[in-house]
Amino acid sequence: MSADRASAPSGAPAAAGRRRAATRRADAKVRVSRAGRRSAATVALAAAVASGLATGLVSGCSPHAAADVARVAASHPSGAAPAPSAAPDRPAPGPSPRPLGAGFLGDTPTPAPESTVSPEPGSWDGVVPAAGYRMVLVTEGDDPATTTLAAAVTRYAAAHEVALTTLTAHGDDEVAARLEHAAADAPDLIVGAGDGVVDVFALLTAQHLDQQFLVLGAQLGEPTDNVTAVVWPGATFRGTGLATDGDRDPATVTAARGAEAIGAGVASVLHGVTGIVLDLR
């Protein structure tokens, strides 16, 4: 062994091997990058060929490149390069509701906020939401009037393919919890049935101005634009401390009145006539 070879560091062969490996990896990356660019160019050119825009260019390509172009063009006859998967289509908006009858608003087509309107019977007939309309019903207690109104809402939902969720409460604290839970779900409409929900709705609905509310068989003392109420003689309660004689007569809360109330109320909301009281006389 020569003196020069004997004096070489013992780690030199290993270092040389690492350098050669690094060089091979770099060369491989370059080849992959070039191949990717060729592939992209081939697809683009194939698209042009398929659309009849670049036939002349292919004649100048090598036989191998021309074969690639022909193969890709055949796999994409429309001339379009492969596209990434599209996002799922959003559901199309439902059809516009049927117009309200002429007697719904009478001579006041744009009622003032908090005003009372007396729609003519049947003036809301046929004005129903599109299938899949989302509604949450909040009730308090199980007295006959509340039960009757809740049943009317349930029948309405079943008849018109409304997605209905019912939340039952006992006491104001539970009403508040149910209302907040419903608002967090952001349905199309939150319905409060009966006078048991009035005090809490009066406090909390103003905190959810982007959510529509409908109160049946009662009303709020000072409703905001997002709260609509439907009342009739014997079902006009406005809240604790605001009650007057005749505000609450359970005998007036019938199945027929409940059906009219939910029909008229939803029709009004669908047409953006909100923040008012509908008086069914």
C-alpha atoms as a PDB file:
ATOM      1  CA  MET A   1       0.000   0.000   0.000  1.00  0.00           C
ATOM      2  CA  SER A   2       1.325   3.481  -0.950  1.00  0.00           C
ATOM      3  CA  ALA A   3       1.876   6.219   1.620  1.00  0.00           C
ATOM      4  CA  ASP A   4      -0.796   8.415  -0.003  1.00  0.00           C
ATOM      5  CA  ARG A   5      -3.472   5.708   0.216  1.00  0.00           C
ATOM      6  CA  ALA A   6      -2.466   4.831   3.754  1.00  0.00           C
ATOM      7  CA  SER A   7      -2.839   8.462   4.879  1.00  0.00           C
ATOM      8  CA  ALA A   8      -6.412   8.915   3.501  1.00  0.00           C
ATOM      9  CA  PRO A   9      -9.031   9.373   6.242  1.00  0.00           C
ATOM     10  CA  SER A  10     -10.916   6.201   7.062  1.00  0.00           C
ATOM     11  CA  GLY A  11     -14.314   7.968   6.510  1.00  0.00           C
ATOM     12  CA  ALA A  12     -13.534   9.127   2.986  1.00  0.00           C
ATOM     13  CA  PRO A  13     -15.230   6.197   1.165  1.00  0.00           C
ATOM     14  CA  ALA A  14     -18.418   6.680   3.151  1.00  0.00           C
ATOM     15  CA  ALA A  15     -18.459  10.420   2.427  1.00  0.00           C
ATOM     16  CA  ALA A  16     -17.947   9.784  -1.265  1.00  0.00           C
ATOM     17  CA  GLY A  17     -20.850   7.324  -1.225  1.00  0.00           C
ATOM     18  CA  ARG A  18     -23.141   9.867   0.389  1.00  0.00           C
ATOM     19  CA  ARG A  19     -22.187  12.429  -2.254  1.00  0.00           C
ATOM     20  CA  ARG A  20     -22.972   9.996  -5.063  1.00  0.00           C
ATOM     21  CA  ALA A  21     -26.363   9.139  -3.458  1.00  0.00           C
ATOM     22  CA  ALA A  22     -27.249  12.808  -3.112  1.00  0.00           C
ATOM     23  CA  THR A  23     -26.336  13.366  -6.764  1.00  0.00           C
ATOM     24  CA  ARG A  24     -28.573  10.482  -7.837  1.00  0.00           C
ATOM     25  CA  ARG A  25     -31.507  11.871  -5.798  1.00  0.00           C
ATOM     26  CA  ALA A  26     -31.086  15.304  -7.340  1.00  0.00           C
ATOM     27  CA  ASP A  27     -30.983  13.812 -10.837  1.00  0.00           C
ATOM     28  CA  ALA A  28     -34.148  11.837 -10.081  1.00  0.00           C
ATOM     29  CA  LYS A  29     -35.984  14.984  -8.939  1.00  0.00           C
ATOM     30  CA  VAL A  30     -34.980  16.753 -12.154  1.00  0.00           C
ATOM     31  CA  ARG A  31     -36.237  13.837 -14.246  1.00  0.00           C
ATOM     32  CA  VAL A  32     -39.574  13.774 -12.342  1.00  0.00           C
ATOM     33  CA  SER A  33     -39.995  17.524 -12.732  1.00  0.00           C
ATOM     34  CA  ARG A  34     -39.268  17.352 -16.460  1.00  0.00           C
ATOM     35  CA  ALA A  35     -41.658  14.438 -16.856  1.00  0.00           C
ATOM     36  CA  GLY A  36     -44.376  16.362 -15.052  1.00  0.00           C
ATOM     37  CA  ARG A  37     -43.884  19.356 -17.296  1.00  0.00           C
ATOM     38  CA  ARG A  38     -43.946  17.151 -20.374  1.00  0.00           C
ATOM     39  CA  SER A  39     -47.125  15.484 -19.149  1.00  0.00           C
ATOM     40  CA  ALA A  40     -48.860  18.803 -18.526  1.00  0.00           C
ATOM     41  CA  ALA A  41     -47.771  20.118 -21.887  1.00  0.00           C
ATOM     42  CA  THR A  42     -48.960  16.939 -23.564  1.00  0.00           C
ATOM     43  CA  VAL A  43     -52.415  17.237 -22.003  1.00  0.00           C
ATOM     44  CA  ALA A  44     -52.676  20.885 -22.992  1.00  0.00           C
ATOM     45  CA  LEU A  45     -51.597  20.162 -26.533  1.00  0.00           C
ATOM     46  CA  ALA A  46     -53.982  17.228 -26.712  1.00  0.00           C
ATOM     47  CA  ALA A  47     -56.810  19.520 -25.756  1.00  0.00           C
ATOM     48  CA  ALA A  48     -55.836  21.895 -28.523  1.00  0.00           C
ATOM     49  CA  VAL A  49     -55.605  19.068 -31.048  1.00  0.00           C
ATOM     50  CA  ALA A  50     -59.023  17.739 -30.051  1.00  0.00           C
ATOM     51  CA  SER A  51     -60.494  21.168 -30.607  1.00  0.00           C
ATOM     52  CA  GLY A  52     -58.769  21.458 -33.995  1.00  0.00           C
ATOM     53  CA  LEU A  53     -56.528  24.359 -33.009  1.00  0.00           C
ATOM     54  CA  ALA A  54     -53.044  22.821 -33.035  1.00  0.00           C
ATOM     55  CA  THR A  55     -52.994  20.057 -35.643  1.00  0.00           C
ATOM     56  CA  GLY A  56     -50.052  21.660 -37.377  1.00  0.00           C
ATOM     57  CA  LEU A  57     -47.941  21.627 -34.230  1.00  0.00           C
ATOM     58  CA  VAL A  58     -48.132  17.851 -33.870  1.00  0.00           C
ATOM     59  CA  SER A  59     -46.563  17.303 -37.272  1.00  0.00           C
ATOM     60  CA  GLY A  60     -43.329  18.757 -35.926  1.00  0.00           C
ATOM     61  CA  CYS A  61     -43.216  16.540 -32.854  1.00  0.00           C
ATOM     62  CA  SER A  62     -41.127  13.426 -32.485  1.00  0.00           C
ATOM     63  CA  PRO A  63     -42.963  10.149 -33.118  1.00  0.00           C
ATOM     64  CA  HIS A  64     -42.939   9.393 -29.383  1.00  0.00           C
ATOM     65  CA  ALA A  65     -44.388  12.800 -28.464  1.00  0.00           C
ATOM     66  CA  ALA A  66     -46.988  12.591 -31.217  1.00  0.00           C
ATOM     67  CA  ALA A  67     -48.083   9.206 -29.921  1.00  0.00           C
ATOM     68  CA  ASP A  68     -48.484  10.653 -26.405  1.00  0.00           C
ATOM     69  CA  VAL A  69     -50.606  13.492 -27.747  1.00  0.00           C
ATOM     70  CA  ALA A  70     -52.803  11.116 -29.721  1.00  0.00           C
ATOM     71  CA  ARG A  71     -53.285   8.844 -26.692  1.00  0.00           C
ATOM     72  CA  VAL A  72     -54.272  11.691 -24.369  1.00  0.00           C
ATOM     73  CA  ALA A  73     -56.525  13.299 -26.961  1.00  0.00           C
ATOM     74  CA  ALA A  74     -58.342  10.008 -27.416  1.00  0.00           C
ATOM     75  CA  SER A  75     -58.941   9.748 -23.675  1.00  0.00           C
ATOM     76  CA  HIS A  76     -60.371  13.310 -23.579  1.00  0.00           C
ATOM     77  CA  PRO A  77     -62.491  13.617 -26.719  1.00  0.00           C
ATOM     78  CA  SER A  78     -64.092  16.799 -25.494  1.00  0.00           C
ATOM     79  CA  GLY A  79     -60.747  18.556 -25.700  1.00  0.00           C
ATOM     80  CA  ALA A  80     -60.715  19.436 -22.011  1.00  0.00           C
ATOM     81  CA  ALA A  81     -57.876  18.498 -19.725  1.00  0.00           C
ATOM     82  CA  PRO A  82     -58.801  16.519 -16.611  1.00  0.00           C
ATOM     83  CA  ALA A  83     -60.317  18.839 -14.006  1.00  0.00           C
ATOM     84  CA  PRO A  84     -60.323  18.479 -10.228  1.00  0.00           C
ATOM     85  CA  SER A  85     -63.492  17.145  -8.651  1.00  0.00           C
ATOM     86  CA  ALA A  86     -66.142  19.833  -8.366  1.00  0.00           C
ATOM     87  CA  ALA A  87     -67.713  20.714  -5.034  1.00  0.00           C
ATOM     88  CA  PRO A  88     -71.187  19.238  -4.496  1.00  0.00           C
ATOM     89  CA  ASP A  89     -73.938  21.391  -5.948  1.00  0.00           C
ATOM     90  CA  ARG A  90     -75.852  23.442  -3.431  1.00  0.00           C
ATOM     91  CA  PRO A  91     -79.571  22.686  -3.264  1.00  0.00           C
ATOM     92  CA  ALA A  92     -81.533  24.993  -5.526  1.00  0.00           C
ATOM     93  CA  PRO A  93     -83.688  27.530  -3.667  1.00  0.00           C
ATOM     94  CA  GLY A  94     -87.322  26.576  -3.328  1.00  0.00           C
ATOM     95  CA  PRO A  95     -89.961  28.122  -5.558  1.00  0.00           C
ATOM     96  CA  SER A  96     -91.445  31.471  -4.601  1.00  0.00           C
ATOM     97  CA  PRO A  97     -94.581  31.138  -2.501  1.00  0.00           C
ATOM     98  CA  ARG A  98     -97.984  31.726  -4.016  1.00  0.00           C
ATOM     99  CA  PRO A  99     -99.102  35.365  -3.716  1.00  0.00           C
ATOM    100  CA  LEU A 100    -101.218  36.372  -0.765  1.00  0.00           C
ATOM    101  CA  GLY A 101    -104.868  37.022  -1.456  1.00  0.00           C
ATOM    102  CA  ALA A 102    -106.002  40.602  -1.916  1.00  0.00           C
ATOM    103  CA  GLY A 103    -107.793  40.524   1.433  1.00  0.00           C
ATOM    104  CA  PHE A 104    -104.767  39.543   3.483  1.00  0.00           C
ATOM    105  CA  LEU A 105    -103.440  43.058   3.997  1.00  0.00           C
ATOM    106  CA  GLY A 106    -106.475  45.002   2.795  1.00  0.00           C
ATOM    107  CA  ASP A 107    -105.744  48.617   2.015  1.00  0.00           C
ATOM    108  CA  THR A 108    -102.338  48.525   3.766  1.00  0.00           C
ATOM    109  CA  PRO A 109     -99.917  46.583   1.541  1.00  0.00           C
ATOM    110  CA  THR A 110     -96.994  47.646   3.743  1.00  0.00           C
ATOM    111  CA  PRO A 111     -98.190  47.635   7.356  1.00  0.00           C
ATOM    112  CA  ALA A 112     -96.208  49.582   9.927  1.00  0.00           C
ATOM    113  CA  PRO A 113     -94.146  47.666  12.480  1.00  0.00           C
ATOM    114  CA  GLU A 114     -96.180  46.467  15.487  1.00  0.00           C
ATOM    115  CA  SER A 115     -99.437  47.224  13.681  1.00  0.00           C
ATOM    116  CA  THR A 116    -102.423  44.889  13.696  1.00  0.00           C
ATOM    117  CA  VAL A 117    -103.832  43.479  10.461  1.00  0.00           C
ATOM    118  CA  SER A 118    -107.063  41.541  10.109  1.00  0.00           C
ATOM    119  CA  PRO A 119    -106.706  39.254   7.074  1.00  0.00           C
ATOM    120  CA  GLU A 120    -109.825  37.974   5.398  1.00  0.00           C
ATOM    121  CA  PRO A 121    -110.476  34.263   5.944  1.00  0.00           C
ATOM    122  CA  GLY A 122    -108.895  32.175   3.212  1.00  0.00           C
ATOM    123  CA  SER A 123    -106.676  34.999   1.909  1.00  0.00           C
ATOM    124  CA  TRP A 124    -103.624  32.889   2.797  1.00  0.00           C
ATOM    125  CA  ASP A 125    -104.891  29.631   1.343  1.00  0.00           C
ATOM    126  CA  GLY A 126    -102.286  27.874  -0.791  1.00  0.00           C
ATOM    127  CA  VAL A 127     -99.412  30.018   0.491  1.00  0.00           C
ATOM    128  CA  VAL A 128     -97.183  27.287   1.881  1.00  0.00           C
ATOM    129  CA  PRO A 129     -93.437  26.734   2.200  1.00  0.00           C
ATOM    130  CA  ALA A 130     -91.386  24.556  -0.099  1.00  0.00           C
ATOM    131  CA  ALA A 131     -90.806  20.980   1.037  1.00  0.00           C
ATOM    132  CA  GLY A 132     -87.966  20.794   3.523  1.00  0.00           C
ATOM    133  CA  TYR A 133     -88.732  24.130   5.197  1.00  0.00           C
ATOM    134  CA  ARG A 134     -87.231  23.913   8.681  1.00  0.00           C
ATOM    135  CA  MET A 135     -89.370  24.826  11.671  1.00  0.00           C
ATOM    136  CA  VAL A 136     -88.875  24.492  15.433  1.00  0.00           C
ATOM    137  CA  LEU A 137     -91.882  24.526  17.759  1.00  0.00           C
ATOM    138  CA  VAL A 138     -91.354  25.669  21.360  1.00  0.00           C
ATOM    139  CA  THR A 139     -94.136  25.012  23.875  1.00  0.00           C
ATOM    140  CA  GLU A 140     -94.503  25.520  27.630  1.00  0.00           C
ATOM    141  CA  GLY A 141     -96.632  23.191  29.693  1.00  0.00           C
ATOM    142  CA  ASP A 142     -99.302  20.735  28.636  1.00  0.00           C
ATOM    143  CA  ASP A 143    -102.533  22.672  29.186  1.00  0.00           C
ATOM    144  CA  PRO A 144    -105.321  22.028  26.665  1.00  0.00           C
ATOM    145  CA  ALA A 145    -104.811  25.280  24.739  1.00  0.00           C
ATOM    146  CA  THR A 146    -101.087  24.717  24.273  1.00  0.00           C
ATOM    147  CA  THR A 147    -101.638  21.081  23.317  1.00  0.00           C
ATOM    148  CA  THR A 148    -104.239  22.076  20.734  1.00  0.00           C
ATOM    149  CA  LEU A 149    -101.946  24.631  19.130  1.00  0.00           C
ATOM    150  CA  ALA A 150     -99.006  22.217  19.105  1.00  0.00           C
ATOM    151  CA  ALA A 151    -101.161  19.598  17.403  1.00  0.00           C
ATOM    152  CA  ALA A 152    -102.180  22.133  14.746  1.00  0.00           C
ATOM    153  CA  VAL A 153     -98.524  22.923  13.997  1.00  0.00           C
ATOM    154  CA  THR A 154     -97.685  19.230  13.795  1.00  0.00           C
ATOM    155  CA  ARG A 155    -100.516  18.587  11.325  1.00  0.00           C
ATOM    156  CA  TYR A 156     -99.461  21.569   9.222  1.00  0.00           C
ATOM    157  CA  ALA A 157     -95.869  20.318   9.075  1.00  0.00           C
ATOM    158  CA  ALA A 158     -96.956  16.835   8.031  1.00  0.00           C
ATOM    159  CA  ALA A 159     -99.277  18.178   5.339  1.00  0.00           C
ATOM    160  CA  HIS A 160     -96.623  20.406   3.752  1.00  0.00           C
ATOM    161  CA  GLU A 161     -93.450  18.339   4.223  1.00  0.00           C
ATOM    162  CA  VAL A 162     -92.035  20.751   6.761  1.00  0.00           C
ATOM    163  CA  ALA A 163     -89.077  19.494   8.790  1.00  0.00           C
ATOM    164  CA  LEU A 164     -90.437  20.066  12.298  1.00  0.00           C
ATOM    165  CA  THR A 165     -88.618  19.798  15.626  1.00  0.00           C
ATOM    166  CA  THR A 166     -90.677  20.157  18.811  1.00  0.00           C
ATOM    167  CA  LEU A 167     -89.085  21.377  22.042  1.00  0.00           C
ATOM    168  CA  THR A 168     -91.237  21.179  25.169  1.00  0.00           C
ATOM    169  CA  ALA A 169     -90.465  23.206  28.290  1.00  0.00           C
ATOM    170  CA  HIS A 170     -91.780  23.564  31.820  1.00  0.00           C
ATOM    171  CA  GLY A 171     -91.182  26.999  33.291  1.00  0.00           C
ATOM    172  CA  ASP A 172     -89.494  30.119  31.983  1.00  0.00           C
ATOM    173  CA  ASP A 173     -85.947  28.845  32.475  1.00  0.00           C
ATOM    174  CA  GLU A 174     -86.595  25.868  30.241  1.00  0.00           C
ATOM    175  CA  VAL A 175     -88.367  28.026  27.672  1.00  0.00           C
ATOM    176  CA  ALA A 176     -85.259  30.220  27.531  1.00  0.00           C
ATOM    177  CA  ALA A 177     -83.006  27.199  27.119  1.00  0.00           C
ATOM    178  CA  ARG A 178     -85.204  25.747  24.372  1.00  0.00           C
ATOM    179  CA  LEU A 179     -85.349  29.058  22.515  1.00  0.00           C
ATOM    180  CA  GLU A 180     -81.565  29.469  22.605  1.00  0.00           C
ATOM    181  CA  HIS A 181     -81.121  25.882  21.444  1.00  0.00           C
ATOM    182  CA  ALA A 182     -83.522  26.456  18.568  1.00  0.00           C
ATOM    183  CA  ALA A 183     -81.894  29.737  17.530  1.00  0.00           C
ATOM    184  CA  ALA A 184     -78.459  28.097  17.485  1.00  0.00           C
ATOM    185  CA  ASP A 185     -79.785  25.658  14.887  1.00  0.00           C
ATOM    186  CA  ALA A 186     -80.933  28.592  12.689  1.00  0.00           C
ATOM    187  CA  PRO A 187     -84.158  27.090  11.295  1.00  0.00           C
ATOM    188  CA  ASP A 188     -86.338  28.961   8.842  1.00  0.00           C
ATOM    189  CA  LEU A 189     -88.860  29.703  11.584  1.00  0.00           C
ATOM    190  CA  ILE A 190     -89.226  29.273  15.347  1.00  0.00           C
ATOM    191  CA  VAL A 191     -92.845  28.977  16.487  1.00  0.00           C
ATOM    192  CA  GLY A 192     -93.999  29.636  20.040  1.00  0.00           C
ATOM    193  CA  ALA A 193     -97.364  28.122  20.887  1.00  0.00           C
ATOM    194  CA  GLY A 194     -99.581  29.647  23.570  1.00  0.00           C
ATOM    195  CA  ASP A 195     -99.217  32.292  26.228  1.00  0.00           C
ATOM    196  CA  GLY A 196     -96.710  30.262  28.275  1.00  0.00           C
ATOM    197  CA  VAL A 197     -93.816  31.318  26.030  1.00  0.00           C
ATOM    198  CA  VAL A 198     -94.647  35.026  25.813  1.00  0.00           C
ATOM    199  CA  ASP A 199     -92.597  36.448  28.690  1.00  0.00           C
ATOM    200  CA  VAL A 200     -89.405  34.697  27.614  1.00  0.00           C
ATOM    201  CA  PHE A 201     -89.922  35.409  23.920  1.00  0.00           C
ATOM    202  CA  ALA A 202     -90.398  39.078  24.773  1.00  0.00           C
ATOM    203  CA  LEU A 203     -86.945  39.111  26.389  1.00  0.00           C
ATOM    204  CA  LEU A 204     -84.923  36.959  24.014  1.00  0.00           C
ATOM    205  CA  THR A 205     -86.253  37.344  20.482  1.00  0.00           C
ATOM    206  CA  ALA A 206     -84.707  40.811  20.194  1.00  0.00           C
ATOM    207  CA  GLN A 207     -81.309  39.176  20.723  1.00  0.00           C
ATOM    208  CA  HIS A 208     -81.739  37.103  17.544  1.00  0.00           C
ATOM    209  CA  LEU A 209     -82.775  39.651  14.946  1.00  0.00           C
ATOM    210  CA  ASP A 210     -81.649  37.458  12.055  1.00  0.00           C
ATOM    211  CA  GLN A 211     -84.049  34.699  13.134  1.00  0.00           C
ATOM    212  CA  GLN A 212     -87.769  34.727  12.337  1.00  0.00           C
ATOM    213  CA  PHE A 213     -90.258  33.944  15.122  1.00  0.00           C
ATOM    214  CA  LEU A 214     -93.994  33.290  15.064  1.00  0.00           C
ATOM    215  CA  VAL A 215     -96.209  33.324  18.165  1.00  0.00           C
ATOM    216  CA  LEU A 216     -99.600  31.626  18.035  1.00  0.00           C
ATOM    217  CA  GLY A 217    -102.511  32.457  20.335  1.00  0.00           C
ATOM    218  CA  ALA A 218    -100.629  35.284  22.065  1.00  0.00           C
ATOM    219  CA  GLN A 219     -98.496  38.317  21.234  1.00  0.00           C
ATOM    220  CA  LEU A 220     -95.537  40.309  22.483  1.00  0.00           C
ATOM    221  CA  GLY A 221     -95.988  43.731  24.033  1.00  0.00           C
ATOM    222  CA  GLU A 222     -93.266  45.337  21.887  1.00  0.00           C
ATOM    223  CA  PRO A 223     -92.278  42.955  19.096  1.00  0.00           C
ATOM    224  CA  THR A 224     -89.239  43.525  16.926  1.00  0.00           C
ATOM    225  CA  ASP A 225     -89.366  43.135  13.140  1.00  0.00           C
ATOM    226  CA  ASN A 226     -88.491  39.447  13.364  1.00  0.00           C
ATOM    227  CA  VAL A 227     -91.525  38.498  15.496  1.00  0.00           C
ATOM    228  CA  THR A 228     -94.975  37.956  14.014  1.00  0.00           C
ATOM    229  CA  ALA A 229     -98.009  36.989  16.113  1.00  0.00           C
ATOM    230  CA  VAL A 230    -101.415  35.531  15.348  1.00  0.00           C
ATOM    231  CA  VAL A 231    -104.246  36.257  17.771  1.00  0.00           C
ATOM    232  CA  TRP A 232    -108.036  36.087  17.922  1.00  0.00           C
ATOM    233  CA  PRO A 233    -110.652  37.020  20.542  1.00  0.00           C
ATOM    234  CA  GLY A 234    -109.834  35.077  23.690  1.00  0.00           C
ATOM    235  CA  ALA A 235    -106.202  34.489  22.670  1.00  0.00           C
ATOM    236  CA  THR A 236    -104.544  37.909  22.839  1.00  0.00           C
ATOM    237  CA  PHE A 237    -102.296  37.636  25.928  1.00  0.00           C
ATOM    238  CA  ARG A 238     -99.420  40.169  25.773  1.00  0.00           C
ATOM    239  CA  GLY A 239     -97.350  39.158  28.774  1.00  0.00           C
ATOM    240  CA  THR A 240     -97.310  39.282  32.554  1.00  0.00           C
ATOM    241  CA  GLY A 241     -98.377  42.702  33.831  1.00  0.00           C
ATOM    242  CA  LEU A 242    -100.025  43.595  30.524  1.00  0.00           C
ATOM    243  CA  ALA A 243    -102.998  41.246  30.676  1.00  0.00           C
ATOM    244  CA  THR A 244    -106.560  42.485  30.447  1.00  0.00           C
ATOM    245  CA  ASP A 245    -109.922  40.771  30.863  1.00  0.00           C
ATOM    246  CA  GLY A 246    -110.650  38.430  28.010  1.00  0.00           C
ATOM    247  CA  ASP A 247    -107.001  37.971  26.995  1.00  0.00           C
ATOM    248  CA  ARG A 248    -107.072  34.291  27.812  1.00  0.00           C
ATOM    249  CA  ASP A 249    -110.072  32.098  27.178  1.00  0.00           C
ATOM    250  CA  PRO A 250    -108.945  28.493  26.585  1.00  0.00           C
ATOM    251  CA  ALA A 251    -112.314  27.651  25.068  1.00  0.00           C
ATOM    252  CA  THR A 252    -111.479  29.830  22.060  1.00  0.00           C
ATOM    253  CA  VAL A 253    -108.356  27.797  21.240  1.00  0.00           C
ATOM    254  CA  THR A 254    -109.797  25.173  18.933  1.00  0.00           C
ATOM    255  CA  ALA A 255    -108.288  22.896  16.306  1.00  0.00           C
ATOM    256  CA  ALA A 256    -109.813  25.038  13.565  1.00  0.00           C
ATOM    257  CA  ARG A 257    -108.359  28.233  15.029  1.00  0.00           C
ATOM    258  CA  GLY A 258    -104.987  26.573  15.407  1.00  0.00           C
ATOM    259  CA  ALA A 259    -104.981  25.520  11.755  1.00  0.00           C
ATOM    260  CA  GLU A 260    -105.897  29.040  10.645  1.00  0.00           C
ATOM    261  CA  ALA A 261    -103.254  30.581  12.894  1.00  0.00           C
ATOM    262  CA  ILE A 262    -100.321  28.505  11.666  1.00  0.00           C
ATOM    263  CA  GLY A 263    -101.436  28.842   8.033  1.00  0.00           C
ATOM    264  CA  ALA A 264    -101.830  32.619   8.166  1.00  0.00           C
ATOM    265  CA  GLY A 265     -98.687  33.122  10.244  1.00  0.00           C
ATOM    266  CA  VAL A 266     -96.379  31.112   8.008  1.00  0.00           C
ATOM    267  CA  ALA A 267     -97.839  32.748   4.889  1.00  0.00           C
ATOM    268  CA  SER A 268     -97.099  36.175   6.326  1.00  0.00           C
ATOM    269  CA  VAL A 269     -93.513  35.220   7.186  1.00  0.00           C
ATOM    270  CA  LEU A 270     -92.915  33.698   3.764  1.00  0.00           C
ATOM    271  CA  HIS A 271     -93.836  37.025   2.173  1.00  0.00           C
ATOM    272  CA  GLY A 272     -91.686  39.058   4.553  1.00  0.00           C
ATOM    273  CA  VAL A 273     -94.684  40.649   6.253  1.00  0.00           C
ATOM    274  CA  THR A 274     -93.243  40.383   9.747  1.00  0.00           C
ATOM    275  CA  GLY A 275     -93.131  42.338  12.974  1.00  0.00           C
ATOM    276  CA  ILE A 276     -96.926  42.679  12.964  1.00  0.00           C
ATOM    277  CA  VAL A 277     -99.962  41.082  14.628  1.00  0.00           C
ATOM    278  CA  LEU A 278    -102.482  39.141  12.570  1.00  0.00           C
ATOM    279  CA  ASP A 279    -105.902  39.297  14.189  1.00  0.00           C
ATOM    280  CA  LEU A 280    -108.190  36.505  13.013  1.00  0.00           C
ATOM    281  CA  ARG A 281    -111.689  37.880  13.637  1.00  0.00           C
END
